[in-house]
C-alpha atoms as a PDB file:
ATOM      1  CA  VAL A   1       0.000   0.000   0.000  1.00  0.00           C
ATOM      2  CA  ALA A   2       2.824   2.394   0.845  1.00  0.00           C
ATOM      3  CA  LYS A   3       4.330   1.847  -2.607  1.00  0.00           C
ATOM      4  CA  ASP A   4       0.965   2.352  -4.328  1.00  0.00           C
ATOM      5  CA  LEU A   5       0.460   5.613  -2.409  1.00  0.00           C
ATOM      6  CA  GLY A   6       3.997   6.794  -3.114  1.00  0.00           C
ATOM      7  CA  LEU A   7       4.977   6.729   0.574  1.00  0.00           C
ATOM      8  CA  GLN A   8       7.840   5.199   2.529  1.00  0.00           C
ATOM      9  CA  LEU A   9       6.743   2.317   4.772  1.00  0.00           C
ATOM     10  CA  PRO A  10       7.232   4.219   8.093  1.00  0.00           C
ATOM     11  CA  ALA A  11       4.920   6.960   6.785  1.00  0.00           C
ATOM     12  CA  LEU A  12       1.912   4.619   6.985  1.00  0.00           C
ATOM     13  CA  LYS A  13       2.322   4.341  10.743  1.00  0.00           C
ATOM     14  CA  ASP A  14       3.421   7.959  11.255  1.00  0.00           C
ATOM     15  CA  ARG A  15       0.431   9.231   9.279  1.00  0.00           C
ATOM     16  CA  ASP A  16      -2.065   6.896  11.022  1.00  0.00           C
ATOM     17  CA  ALA A  17      -3.196   5.010   7.897  1.00  0.00           C
ATOM     18  CA  HIS A  18      -6.450   3.041   8.228  1.00  0.00           C
ATOM     19  CA  VAL A  19      -8.608   0.880   5.978  1.00  0.00           C
ATOM     20  CA  PHE A  20     -12.357   1.483   6.024  1.00  0.00           C
ATOM     21  CA  ASP A  21     -14.720  -1.041   4.472  1.00  0.00           C
ATOM     22  CA  THR A  22     -17.816   0.535   2.966  1.00  0.00           C
ATOM     23  CA  GLY A  23     -20.086  -2.301   4.112  1.00  0.00           C
ATOM     24  CA  ARG A  24     -21.025  -3.489   7.579  1.00  0.00           C
ATOM     25  CA  THR A  25     -18.491  -6.318   7.651  1.00  0.00           C
ATOM     26  CA  ARG A  26     -14.789  -5.596   7.966  1.00  0.00           C
ATOM     27  CA  TYR A  27     -12.920  -7.644   5.348  1.00  0.00           C
ATOM     28  CA  PHE A  28      -9.570  -5.848   5.031  1.00  0.00           C
ATOM     29  CA  PHE A  29      -6.600  -5.255   7.320  1.00  0.00           C
ATOM     30  CA  LEU A  30      -3.685  -2.907   6.687  1.00  0.00           C
ATOM     31  CA  ASP A  31      -0.506  -4.199   8.341  1.00  0.00           C
ATOM     32  CA  LEU A  32       1.483  -1.090   9.225  1.00  0.00           C
ATOM     33  CA  GLN A  33       4.653  -3.128   9.839  1.00  0.00           C
ATOM     34  CA  ASN A  34       4.999  -4.365   6.242  1.00  0.00           C
ATOM     35  CA  GLY A  35       2.449  -2.258   4.318  1.00  0.00           C
ATOM     36  CA  HIS A  36       0.449  -5.248   3.081  1.00  0.00           C
ATOM     37  CA  LEU A  37      -3.303  -5.140   2.607  1.00  0.00           C
ATOM     38  CA  SER A  38      -4.744  -8.481   3.750  1.00  0.00           C
ATOM     39  CA  MET A  39      -8.104 -10.142   4.229  1.00  0.00           C
ATOM     40  CA  MET A  40      -9.445 -10.379   7.790  1.00  0.00           C
ATOM     41  CA  GLU A  41     -11.307 -13.583   6.969  1.00  0.00           C
ATOM     42  CA  GLN A  42     -12.146 -15.802   4.042  1.00  0.00           C
ATOM     43  CA  VAL A  43     -14.761 -14.242   1.780  1.00  0.00           C
ATOM     44  CA  ASP A  44     -17.763 -16.313   0.719  1.00  0.00           C
ATOM     45  CA  ARG A  45     -18.792 -14.890  -2.659  1.00  0.00           C
ATOM     46  CA  GLU A  46     -22.170 -16.631  -2.640  1.00  0.00           C
ATOM     47  CA  GLU A  47     -22.999 -15.081   0.725  1.00  0.00           C
ATOM     48  CA  ILE A  48     -21.934 -11.561  -0.263  1.00  0.00           C
ATOM     49  CA  CYS A  49     -23.032 -11.274  -3.908  1.00  0.00           C
ATOM     50  CA  ALA A  50     -25.164 -14.286  -4.747  1.00  0.00           C
ATOM     51  CA  ALA A  51     -27.551 -12.362  -7.011  1.00  0.00           C
ATOM     52  CA  VAL A  52     -25.007 -10.387  -9.056  1.00  0.00           C
ATOM     53  CA  PRO A  53     -22.538 -11.707 -11.649  1.00  0.00           C
ATOM     54  CA  LYS A  54     -19.736  -9.272 -10.708  1.00  0.00           C
ATOM     55  CA  CYS A  55     -18.773  -9.211  -7.025  1.00  0.00           C
ATOM     56  CA  VAL A  56     -17.002  -6.064  -5.773  1.00  0.00           C
ATOM     57  CA  LEU A  57     -15.828  -5.250  -2.246  1.00  0.00           C
ATOM     58  CA  ASN A  58     -15.230  -1.536  -1.792  1.00  0.00           C
ATOM     59  CA  PHE A  59     -12.891   0.010   0.749  1.00  0.00           C
ATOM     60  CA  GLU A  60     -11.067   3.250   1.389  1.00  0.00           C
ATOM     61  CA  ILE A  61      -7.636   3.990   2.825  1.00  0.00           C
ATOM     62  CA  LEU A  62      -7.353   7.112   4.937  1.00  0.00           C
ATOM     63  CA  VAL A  63      -3.886   8.595   5.507  1.00  0.00           C
ATOM     64  CA  LYS A  64      -3.747  11.535   7.950  1.00  0.00           C
ATOM     65  CA  HIS A  65      -1.174  14.113   9.016  1.00  0.00           C
ATOM     66  CA  PRO A  66      -1.464  15.948   6.621  1.00  0.00           C
ATOM     67  CA  MET A  67      -4.486  14.657   4.806  1.00  0.00           C
END
């Protein structure tokens, strides 16, 4: 994530980076030690998007100080 945002790895922690899922369930985790975006749990596509052919999980990454 740091690389994709054009930041050095320590900047994620220093700037209080957080991942926010747009749904009610939290699926993603941002590891501030290595900068990897990971899944919190296994995702069951049929449970989340059974009625739609294209399944999309939206999330946002907020990086503060300065925003």
